[in-house]
Amino acid sequence: MSWQTSRKIRLTQVGTAIIAALAVQSGYAREDIMDTTGLADYIAGSTDVQPLKDYGVTWGGWLQASITANANAPQDGYNGTMTFNDRANQVQMNQVYFYLQKAITVSGDEWDWGGRFDGMYGSDSIFTQAYGTPYQNQAASAYSPYNRGNWDLNLGSHNNLYNAFALPQAYASLNIPFGNGVDLKVGHFYTPVGYEVVTAPDNFFMSKPYTFQYGEPFTHTGFLANYALDENWTISGGGVTGSGTGGWDGSFNTQLGNWSFLGGTGWTSDDKAYSLNLTGTAGNQSYSQPGSNNFWGIYSLVGKANWLDDDLHYVIQHDHGYANNVWNENALNVNAQWYGINQYLTYDIEDNLGVGLRAEWFRDANGYRVQGPARCGASTNYDSTGTAQSYSCASQNPASGITSLNSPYVGSTAGWGNNMGGGANYYELTAGLNYKPLKWVILRPNARYDFSQGASMYMGSNGQMLDYQFTFSFDATVVF
């Protein structure tokens, strides 16, 4: 049985189980369905599905699946530079997600403790694993393999081309009763940098922008303290480690001596209609030249505005990242930069229906960040013989359609594409709907156009490389 057939059978089984569960509850009135907040509530016939809530412990999760139609009909089945929905014309099980949480009350009155643990399985997992130490640079130490850590990189057997396990969050939280209360987080957690997030129910659009895909970290390992100065201003600061790239996507058992700064500040207007947040990282990257102290960092500025009785929402985001003394296709010792601007305009037609536009320009100034398919670099490491191995690319799995790994470093156009180590501009325009027929069901059709200037990063039906791509995606998320 092929893996494609096996996946379709699994998706069919999941869908059948959900439908059957709903059918069992067919005696419910429509208002009961509309009042439930999750699939578990509805199946149980009650909102009392949190047995530990008296102790402040809650659980939750969701199941997200998608399909993306690509007008280019790419020969290798990949959607160019796109990541979370990177497979063309195929159903993807993006996220089977579960979390367990004890939230804390932040105040200056008394101590409080809690924490959170998140687990995920699916095709999105490879992009949220703790791979902050890239596979080793060829020139740095003659193919000597780096330990990328084993927090969640090796949880699966790697026999599946696209689906994997990830543990994106595992942290303890503490309220320190100082002033207005200090919210301290210690462990492995999602980044506060940027606007969009990994968790499927919390984004308006299904597809991800370049800034999120290539310009920002996904997770950190370390500690972060947040403090509200007053009702308008907040500050945060902490240290992150376990990474060879300035504290990005760090693990618990590698690069623990390489500490970096994570933090920022935020302002919100009195009426909560306007806000401005500045976040960033600053530290050293230690993989391209072992023992060196080359800078790696980013800042992200996000502004938000709500108009028309909070029904019209505007967001503008600017990111600028730096990595000194890194290797792109043409030279070692390149001081790489990447930057761009995102803009979002969304309108709430009804409480459960919204329409939106996203426009983005992203500049990969040195041909260092954008690659395709991105999961090649994310799943690659050098073995003891100096051979680059990737369970998502042809070096391990010829059936994936990737014909080569022609770049021995992270962040390049590994796999295919024509960037040639020079700068390139990437543009994308996305239009979509966000519809919730139930509080726990989210449907998001998206139409997207991508264009690259200075690089051919989108494959056509005959294997030719193009500088444009049109995709239509649809996903459904069922919240437990």
Protein backbone atom coordinates (compact mmCIF):
# COMPACT_ATOMS: atom_id res chain seq x y z
CA MET A 1 0.00 0.00 0.00
CA SER A 2 1.42 3.42 -0.94
CA TRP A 3 1.84 6.15 1.65
CA GLN A 4 -0.62 8.33 -0.32
CA THR A 5 -3.29 5.63 -0.12
CA SER A 6 -2.55 5.02 3.55
CA ARG A 7 -2.92 8.72 4.32
CA LYS A 8 -6.25 8.95 2.49
CA ILE A 9 -7.54 5.96 4.43
CA ARG A 10 -6.48 7.54 7.74
CA LEU A 11 -8.13 10.86 6.88
CA THR A 12 -11.30 9.05 5.83
CA GLN A 13 -11.34 7.14 9.12
CA VAL A 14 -10.92 10.35 11.12
CA GLY A 15 -13.70 12.07 9.19
CA THR A 16 -16.00 9.07 9.55
CA ALA A 17 -15.40 8.95 13.31
CA ILE A 18 -16.29 12.62 13.68
CA ILE A 19 -19.44 12.26 11.61
CA ALA A 20 -20.45 9.15 13.55
CA ALA A 21 -19.95 10.94 16.84
CA LEU A 22 -22.16 13.78 15.70
CA ALA A 23 -24.77 11.35 14.47
CA VAL A 24 -24.95 9.74 17.93
CA GLN A 25 -25.92 13.14 19.28
CA SER A 26 -28.55 13.77 16.64
CA GLY A 27 -31.19 14.30 19.33
CA TYR A 28 -29.67 17.63 20.24
CA ALA A 29 -31.48 20.77 19.29
CA ARG A 30 -29.71 23.27 17.04
CA GLU A 31 -29.30 25.75 19.89
CA ASP A 32 -27.45 23.10 21.89
CA ILE A 33 -25.02 22.60 19.02
CA MET A 34 -24.46 26.31 18.69
CA ASP A 35 -23.81 26.72 22.41
CA THR A 36 -21.12 24.05 22.68
CA THR A 37 -17.53 25.28 22.56
CA GLY A 38 -15.81 22.08 21.44
CA LEU A 39 -16.35 18.69 19.88
CA ALA A 40 -15.75 17.01 23.23
CA ASP A 41 -18.52 19.11 24.83
CA TYR A 42 -20.95 18.14 22.13
CA ILE A 43 -20.17 14.42 22.21
CA ALA A 44 -20.37 14.38 26.01
CA GLY A 45 -23.63 16.33 25.95
CA SER A 46 -22.21 18.66 28.56
CA THR A 47 -19.66 21.41 29.06
CA ASP A 48 -18.29 19.46 32.02
CA VAL A 49 -15.46 17.73 30.15
CA GLN A 50 -12.66 19.24 32.22
CA PRO A 51 -12.25 16.83 35.17
CA LEU A 52 -9.31 18.81 36.64
CA LYS A 53 -10.76 22.29 36.28
CA ASP A 54 -11.26 22.61 40.04
CA TYR A 55 -7.47 22.44 40.29
CA GLY A 56 -7.04 25.02 37.54
CA VAL A 57 -5.89 22.42 35.00
CA THR A 58 -7.52 22.39 31.56
CA TRP A 59 -6.91 20.54 28.31
CA GLY A 60 -7.75 21.12 24.68
CA GLY A 61 -6.70 20.65 21.11
CA TRP A 62 -7.82 20.47 17.52
CA LEU A 63 -7.53 18.62 14.27
CA GLN A 64 -6.66 20.57 11.10
CA ALA A 65 -6.60 19.22 7.56
CA SER A 66 -6.15 21.10 4.29
CA ILE A 67 -5.78 20.85 0.54
CA THR A 68 -4.03 23.34 -1.75
CA ALA A 69 -4.62 23.46 -5.50
CA ASN A 70 -1.67 24.84 -7.48
CA ALA A 71 -2.34 26.25 -10.96
CA ASN A 72 1.28 25.48 -11.96
CA ALA A 73 0.70 21.75 -11.32
CA PRO A 74 4.32 21.43 -10.08
CA GLN A 75 6.05 18.28 -11.23
CA ASP A 76 7.48 17.50 -7.79
CA GLY A 77 4.23 18.17 -5.92
CA TYR A 78 5.56 21.08 -3.80
CA ASN A 79 4.10 24.58 -3.56
CA GLY A 80 7.39 26.37 -4.07
CA THR A 81 8.44 28.41 -1.06
CA MET A 82 5.27 27.76 0.94
CA THR A 83 5.71 25.75 4.13
CA PHE A 84 2.75 24.76 6.30
CA ASN A 85 0.65 23.87 3.24
CA ASP A 86 3.61 22.95 1.05
CA ARG A 87 2.10 19.99 -0.84
CA ALA A 88 0.30 20.70 -4.12
CA ASN A 89 -3.04 19.09 -4.94
CA GLN A 90 -2.88 16.69 -1.98
CA VAL A 91 -4.76 16.42 1.29
CA GLN A 92 -2.51 17.21 4.27
CA MET A 93 -3.12 16.37 7.90
CA ASN A 94 -1.50 19.58 9.14
CA GLN A 95 -2.06 19.50 12.88
CA VAL A 96 -3.36 16.94 15.34
CA TYR A 97 -2.82 19.09 18.40
CA PHE A 98 -3.17 18.58 22.16
CA TYR A 99 -2.30 20.77 25.13
CA LEU A 100 -2.52 20.53 28.93
CA GLN A 101 -2.39 23.79 30.87
CA LYS A 102 -2.57 25.34 34.29
CA ALA A 103 -2.93 29.08 33.82
CA ILE A 104 -1.71 31.55 36.44
CA THR A 105 -3.25 34.72 37.80
CA VAL A 106 -0.83 37.60 37.32
CA SER A 107 -1.05 40.10 40.18
CA GLY A 108 0.99 41.78 42.84
CA ASP A 109 -0.94 40.06 45.64
CA GLU A 110 0.29 36.47 45.88
CA TRP A 111 2.43 33.79 44.31
CA ASP A 112 0.90 31.50 41.72
CA TRP A 113 2.32 28.69 39.62
CA GLY A 114 1.32 26.80 36.51
CA GLY A 115 2.61 25.63 33.17
CA ARG A 116 1.75 24.19 29.80
CA PHE A 117 2.61 21.21 27.64
CA ASP A 118 1.81 21.03 23.88
CA GLY A 119 2.16 18.08 21.52
CA MET A 120 1.54 17.99 17.78
CA TYR A 121 1.52 15.43 15.00
CA GLY A 122 1.18 16.17 11.30
CA SER A 123 2.83 17.77 8.31
CA ASP A 124 3.31 21.10 10.12
CA SER A 125 5.42 19.49 12.85
CA ILE A 126 8.74 19.59 11.00
CA PHE A 127 8.60 23.39 11.01
CA THR A 128 8.08 23.66 14.78
CA GLN A 129 10.66 21.15 16.01
CA ALA A 130 13.72 22.29 17.97
CA TYR A 131 16.15 22.41 15.05
CA GLY A 132 17.90 25.62 16.08
CA THR A 133 21.33 24.14 15.42
CA PRO A 134 21.41 23.59 11.65
CA TYR A 135 23.16 20.72 10.01
CA GLN A 136 26.88 21.43 9.86
CA ASN A 137 28.42 23.84 7.38
CA GLN A 138 30.66 22.03 4.90
CA ALA A 139 33.52 24.55 5.03
CA ALA A 140 33.50 24.97 8.80
CA SER A 141 34.77 21.57 9.84
CA ALA A 142 34.91 19.20 6.89
CA TYR A 143 31.45 17.70 7.26
CA SER A 144 31.79 16.97 10.96
CA PRO A 145 28.17 16.48 12.06
CA TYR A 146 26.66 18.79 14.64
CA ASN A 147 24.41 17.50 17.39
CA ARG A 148 21.09 19.16 16.59
CA GLY A 149 19.62 17.97 19.88
CA ASN A 150 16.96 15.35 20.42
CA TRP A 151 14.16 17.16 22.23
CA ASP A 152 11.65 16.32 19.46
CA LEU A 153 13.68 15.85 16.26
CA ASN A 154 13.83 12.08 16.64
CA LEU A 155 10.47 11.21 18.17
CA GLY A 156 9.25 9.46 15.01
CA SER A 157 10.80 6.75 12.90
CA HIS A 158 11.27 9.17 9.96
CA ASN A 159 9.67 6.56 7.71
CA ASN A 160 6.91 9.00 6.87
CA LEU A 161 7.88 11.64 4.33
CA TYR A 162 5.77 14.47 5.65
CA ASN A 163 4.19 13.74 9.05
CA ALA A 164 6.20 13.99 12.26
CA PHE A 165 5.87 14.65 15.99
CA ALA A 166 6.74 17.93 17.67
CA LEU A 167 6.68 19.19 21.27
CA PRO A 168 6.57 22.95 20.67
CA GLN A 169 5.85 23.92 24.28
CA ALA A 170 6.81 22.51 27.68
CA TYR A 171 7.25 25.21 30.29
CA ALA A 172 6.55 26.16 33.87
CA SER A 173 5.04 29.56 34.69
CA LEU A 174 5.22 31.58 37.88
CA ASN A 175 3.58 34.74 39.10
CA ILE A 176 6.00 36.76 41.22
CA PRO A 177 4.03 39.21 43.42
CA PHE A 178 6.22 42.23 42.72
CA GLY A 179 4.55 45.50 41.72
CA ASN A 180 1.74 44.60 39.32
CA GLY A 181 2.95 41.01 39.12
CA VAL A 182 5.73 39.44 37.06
CA ASP A 183 4.72 36.63 34.69
CA LEU A 184 7.78 34.35 34.41
CA LYS A 185 7.94 31.51 31.90
CA VAL A 186 10.74 28.88 32.05
CA GLY A 187 11.21 26.05 29.56
CA HIS A 188 10.38 25.60 25.88
CA PHE A 189 7.77 27.99 24.43
CA TYR A 190 6.49 29.73 21.30
CA THR A 191 8.18 32.95 20.27
CA PRO A 192 6.53 36.30 21.03
CA VAL A 193 8.22 37.74 17.90
CA GLY A 194 5.98 38.73 15.00
CA TYR A 195 2.24 38.62 14.36
CA GLU A 196 1.10 35.23 13.03
CA VAL A 197 1.44 32.05 15.08
CA VAL A 198 1.81 28.28 14.66
CA THR A 199 -1.50 27.27 16.25
CA ALA A 200 -4.10 26.83 13.51
CA PRO A 201 -7.22 28.34 15.21
CA ASP A 202 -5.41 31.59 16.01
CA ASN A 203 -4.71 32.88 12.46
CA PHE A 204 -7.15 34.47 10.05
CA PHE A 205 -5.53 32.94 6.96
CA MET A 206 -4.53 29.35 6.38
CA SER A 207 -1.32 30.00 4.40
CA LYS A 208 1.65 31.71 6.03
CA PRO A 209 3.59 34.84 4.98
CA TYR A 210 7.30 34.84 4.16
CA THR A 211 8.16 36.74 7.34
CA PHE A 212 6.66 33.97 9.43
CA GLN A 213 8.08 31.16 7.31
CA TYR A 214 11.64 32.41 6.82
CA GLY A 215 12.17 35.57 8.83
CA GLU A 216 11.33 34.65 12.42
CA PRO A 217 11.92 31.94 15.03
CA PHE A 218 9.15 29.50 15.91
CA THR A 219 10.14 28.52 19.47
CA HIS A 220 12.71 29.22 22.19
CA THR A 221 14.22 27.41 25.16
CA GLY A 222 15.05 29.47 28.21
CA PHE A 223 13.12 32.01 30.28
CA LEU A 224 11.00 35.08 29.60
CA ALA A 225 9.51 37.58 32.08
CA ASN A 226 6.56 39.84 31.22
CA TYR A 227 5.56 42.88 33.26
CA ALA A 228 2.70 45.38 32.87
CA LEU A 229 3.94 48.82 33.81
CA ASP A 230 0.39 50.17 33.70
CA GLU A 231 -2.77 49.69 31.62
CA ASN A 232 -0.97 50.95 28.50
CA TRP A 233 2.63 49.76 28.62
CA THR A 234 4.22 46.31 28.97
CA ILE A 235 7.83 45.16 28.87
CA SER A 236 9.41 41.72 28.55
CA GLY A 237 12.90 40.31 28.73
CA GLY A 238 14.71 37.02 29.11
CA GLY A 239 17.44 34.70 27.96
CA VAL A 240 17.18 31.83 25.46
CA THR A 241 19.65 29.08 24.66
CA GLY A 242 20.00 25.61 23.10
CA SER A 243 20.51 27.01 19.61
CA GLY A 244 23.32 27.78 17.19
CA THR A 245 21.29 30.59 15.64
CA GLY A 246 20.88 33.29 18.26
CA GLY A 247 18.41 31.45 20.47
CA TRP A 248 16.04 30.46 17.66
CA ASP A 249 14.24 27.10 17.97
CA GLY A 250 16.52 25.87 20.73
CA SER A 251 16.67 22.46 22.34
CA PHE A 252 17.33 21.33 25.93
CA ASN A 253 20.56 19.42 25.34
CA THR A 254 22.74 21.21 22.80
CA GLN A 255 24.39 24.66 22.50
CA LEU A 256 23.42 25.40 26.11
CA GLY A 257 26.31 27.83 26.51
CA ASN A 258 25.11 30.08 23.70
CA TRP A 259 22.72 32.50 25.41
CA SER A 260 20.79 35.24 23.61
CA PHE A 261 18.37 38.01 24.52
CA LEU A 262 14.62 37.80 23.89
CA GLY A 263 12.24 40.59 24.77
CA GLY A 264 10.40 43.74 23.80
CA THR A 265 7.88 46.36 24.74
CA GLY A 266 4.25 47.08 23.88
CA TRP A 267 1.75 49.93 24.02
CA THR A 268 -2.06 49.80 23.91
CA SER A 269 -4.39 52.79 23.78
CA ASP A 270 -6.89 53.47 26.55
CA ASP A 271 -9.81 52.29 24.40
CA LYS A 272 -7.83 49.20 23.22
CA ALA A 273 -8.40 50.22 19.58
CA TYR A 274 -4.72 50.80 18.82
CA SER A 275 -1.53 48.98 19.79
CA LEU A 276 2.14 48.86 18.88
CA ASN A 277 4.53 46.06 19.84
CA LEU A 278 8.28 45.79 19.35
CA THR A 279 9.90 42.39 19.97
CA GLY A 280 13.20 40.84 19.00
CA THR A 281 16.16 38.60 19.65
CA ALA A 282 19.87 39.37 19.79
CA GLY A 283 22.70 36.90 20.25
CA ASN A 284 25.40 34.80 18.66
CA GLN A 285 25.27 32.12 16.01
CA SER A 286 27.86 29.45 16.50
CA TYR A 287 27.57 26.94 13.70
CA SER A 288 29.13 28.51 10.59
CA GLN A 289 32.43 29.21 12.34
CA PRO A 290 32.74 27.15 15.56
CA GLY A 291 34.07 29.20 18.43
CA SER A 292 33.20 32.53 16.80
CA ASN A 293 30.77 35.14 18.07
CA ASN A 294 28.87 36.12 14.94
CA PHE A 295 25.71 38.15 15.51
CA TRP A 296 22.26 36.73 14.81
CA GLY A 297 19.13 38.68 15.57
CA ILE A 298 15.86 40.23 14.51
CA TYR A 299 13.38 42.92 15.45
CA SER A 300 9.69 42.86 14.63
CA LEU A 301 7.36 45.86 14.84
CA VAL A 302 3.60 45.17 14.76
CA GLY A 303 0.94 47.87 14.73
CA LYS A 304 -2.80 47.22 15.04
CA ALA A 305 -5.89 49.39 14.62
CA ASN A 306 -9.62 48.65 14.97
CA TRP A 307 -12.28 50.79 13.34
CA LEU A 308 -16.04 50.77 12.66
CA ASP A 309 -17.06 49.53 16.11
CA ASP A 310 -14.16 47.06 16.11
CA ASP A 311 -15.39 45.30 12.97
CA LEU A 312 -12.62 46.54 10.66
CA HIS A 313 -9.09 45.47 11.61
CA TYR A 314 -5.80 46.69 10.17
CA VAL A 315 -2.36 45.26 10.97
CA ILE A 316 1.03 46.35 9.67
CA GLN A 317 4.21 44.43 10.44
CA HIS A 318 7.86 45.14 9.69
CA ASP A 319 10.64 42.61 10.35
CA HIS A 320 14.40 43.01 9.90
CA GLY A 321 16.81 40.14 10.55
CA TYR A 322 20.60 39.84 10.56
CA ALA A 323 23.11 36.99 10.45
CA ASN A 324 26.80 37.86 10.24
CA ASN A 325 29.53 35.76 8.63
CA VAL A 326 27.33 33.10 7.10
CA TRP A 327 27.69 31.18 3.88
CA ASN A 328 25.40 31.61 0.91
CA GLU A 329 25.83 29.96 -2.47
CA ASN A 330 28.65 32.18 -3.69
CA ALA A 331 30.76 33.05 -0.67
CA LEU A 332 31.60 32.52 2.98
CA ASN A 333 31.59 35.50 5.35
CA VAL A 334 28.43 37.13 4.01
CA ASN A 335 26.66 39.46 6.41
CA ALA A 336 23.11 38.43 5.53
CA GLN A 337 19.97 40.52 6.01
CA TRP A 338 16.28 39.89 5.43
CA TYR A 339 13.40 42.31 5.91
CA GLY A 340 9.91 43.08 4.72
CA ILE A 341 6.46 44.53 5.33
CA ASN A 342 3.14 42.72 5.84
CA GLN A 343 -0.26 44.40 5.80
CA TYR A 344 -3.60 42.87 6.81
CA LEU A 345 -7.11 44.21 6.39
CA THR A 346 -9.97 42.09 7.73
CA TYR A 347 -13.65 42.82 8.25
CA ASP A 348 -16.13 41.03 10.50
CA ILE A 349 -19.29 40.61 8.42
CA GLU A 350 -20.90 38.62 11.23
CA ASP A 351 -19.65 37.32 14.55
CA ASN A 352 -18.73 34.05 12.83
CA LEU A 353 -17.79 35.30 9.35
CA GLY A 354 -14.92 37.50 8.24
CA VAL A 355 -13.28 38.50 4.99
CA GLY A 356 -9.67 39.60 4.64
CA LEU A 357 -6.70 40.61 2.51
CA ARG A 358 -2.98 40.22 3.18
CA ALA A 359 -0.25 41.87 1.11
CA GLU A 360 3.46 41.24 1.66
CA TRP A 361 6.86 42.22 0.38
CA PHE A 362 9.83 40.22 1.69
CA ARG A 363 13.45 40.91 0.77
CA ASP A 364 15.99 38.08 1.14
CA ALA A 365 18.87 40.47 0.57
CA ASN A 366 21.63 37.86 0.28
CA GLY A 367 19.79 34.78 -0.92
CA TYR A 368 20.23 33.25 2.52
CA ARG A 369 16.79 32.62 4.02
CA VAL A 370 14.24 31.58 1.39
CA GLN A 371 14.39 28.04 0.12
CA GLY A 372 12.19 25.47 -1.53
CA PRO A 373 11.02 23.05 -0.39
CA ALA A 374 11.74 24.34 3.10
CA ARG A 375 11.27 20.98 4.79
CA CYS A 376 14.47 19.75 3.09
CA GLY A 377 16.75 21.88 5.24
CA ALA A 378 14.58 21.47 8.31
CA SER A 379 14.90 17.68 8.21
CA THR A 380 18.56 17.42 7.17
CA ASN A 381 21.69 16.51 9.11
CA TYR A 382 25.11 15.18 8.12
CA ASP A 383 25.87 11.61 9.12
CA SER A 384 29.28 10.27 10.19
CA THR A 385 30.36 9.82 6.56
CA GLY A 386 29.66 13.45 5.70
CA THR A 387 26.53 12.65 3.70
CA ALA A 388 23.57 14.97 3.95
CA GLN A 389 20.52 12.94 4.96
CA SER A 390 16.98 14.22 4.89
CA TYR A 391 13.93 12.10 5.51
CA SER A 392 11.80 14.55 3.51
CA CYS A 393 14.08 14.79 0.46
CA ALA A 394 15.45 12.55 -2.24
CA SER A 395 18.71 11.72 -0.48
CA GLN A 396 16.61 9.48 1.74
CA ASN A 397 13.36 9.19 -0.19
CA PRO A 398 13.51 9.50 -3.98
CA ALA A 399 9.74 9.29 -4.08
CA SER A 400 9.57 12.79 -2.64
CA GLY A 401 10.42 14.20 -6.05
CA ILE A 402 13.37 16.31 -4.90
CA THR A 403 16.23 15.58 -7.23
CA SER A 404 19.20 16.96 -5.32
CA LEU A 405 20.51 18.60 -2.20
CA ASN A 406 22.88 21.00 -3.87
CA SER A 407 23.60 23.30 -0.95
CA PRO A 408 25.59 22.13 2.10
CA TYR A 409 24.24 24.74 4.49
CA VAL A 410 20.99 25.81 6.01
CA GLY A 411 18.95 28.67 4.61
CA SER A 412 19.91 28.30 0.97
CA THR A 413 17.88 27.29 -2.04
CA ALA A 414 18.43 23.66 -1.02
CA GLY A 415 16.65 21.19 -3.27
CA TRP A 416 15.84 23.40 -6.23
CA GLY A 417 15.30 26.97 -7.26
CA ASN A 418 17.51 29.56 -8.89
CA ASN A 419 18.61 32.23 -6.46
CA MET A 420 22.37 31.90 -7.08
CA GLY A 421 23.29 33.47 -3.77
CA GLY A 422 22.06 36.91 -4.77
CA GLY A 423 19.27 39.02 -3.35
CA ALA A 424 15.65 38.42 -4.28
CA ASN A 425 12.29 40.02 -3.57
CA TYR A 426 9.21 37.96 -2.81
CA TYR A 427 5.65 39.21 -3.01
CA GLU A 428 2.39 37.55 -2.04
CA LEU A 429 -1.24 38.67 -2.07
CA THR A 430 -3.78 36.55 -0.21
CA ALA A 431 -7.55 36.91 -0.04
CA GLY A 432 -9.73 34.71 2.11
CA LEU A 433 -12.74 34.00 4.29
CA ASN A 434 -12.80 32.85 7.89
CA TYR A 435 -16.10 31.14 8.70
CA LYS A 436 -17.20 29.39 11.90
CA PRO A 437 -20.45 27.46 11.33
CA LEU A 438 -20.00 26.31 14.95
CA LYS A 439 -17.82 27.76 17.69
CA TRP A 440 -15.55 24.74 17.32
CA VAL A 441 -15.41 24.44 13.53
CA ILE A 442 -13.30 26.85 11.43
CA LEU A 443 -13.37 26.87 7.62
CA ARG A 444 -10.86 29.01 5.68
CA PRO A 445 -10.78 29.20 1.87
CA ASN A 446 -7.77 31.23 0.63
CA ALA A 447 -6.67 32.42 -2.80
CA ARG A 448 -3.01 33.43 -3.07
CA TYR A 449 -0.64 34.80 -5.72
CA ASP A 450 3.15 34.62 -5.26
CA PHE A 451 5.77 36.38 -7.36
CA SER A 452 9.56 36.36 -7.02
CA GLN A 453 11.90 39.00 -8.45
CA GLY A 454 15.50 37.85 -8.83
CA ALA A 455 14.82 34.16 -8.17
CA SER A 456 12.84 31.39 -9.86
CA MET A 457 11.43 29.40 -6.97
CA TYR A 458 8.17 27.86 -8.23
CA MET A 459 8.09 24.68 -10.28
CA GLY A 460 5.90 24.05 -13.31
CA SER A 461 4.35 20.89 -14.70
CA ASN A 462 7.39 20.10 -16.85
CA GLY A 463 9.93 20.74 -14.10
CA GLN A 464 10.76 24.23 -15.33
CA MET A 465 11.37 26.90 -12.69
CA LEU A 466 9.00 29.89 -12.71
CA ASP A 467 8.86 33.21 -10.90
CA TYR A 468 5.12 33.12 -10.13
CA GLN A 469 2.51 30.84 -8.62
CA PHE A 470 -1.25 30.89 -7.98
CA THR A 471 -2.73 28.65 -5.30
CA PHE A 472 -6.17 28.08 -3.81
CA SER A 473 -6.27 26.46 -0.38
CA PHE A 474 -9.01 25.26 1.89
CA ASP A 475 -8.69 23.99 5.43
CA ALA A 476 -11.01 22.81 8.17
CA THR A 477 -10.17 22.92 11.85
CA VAL A 478 -12.22 21.05 14.45
CA VAL A 479 -11.53 22.19 18.01
CA PHE A 480 -11.86 19.61 20.78
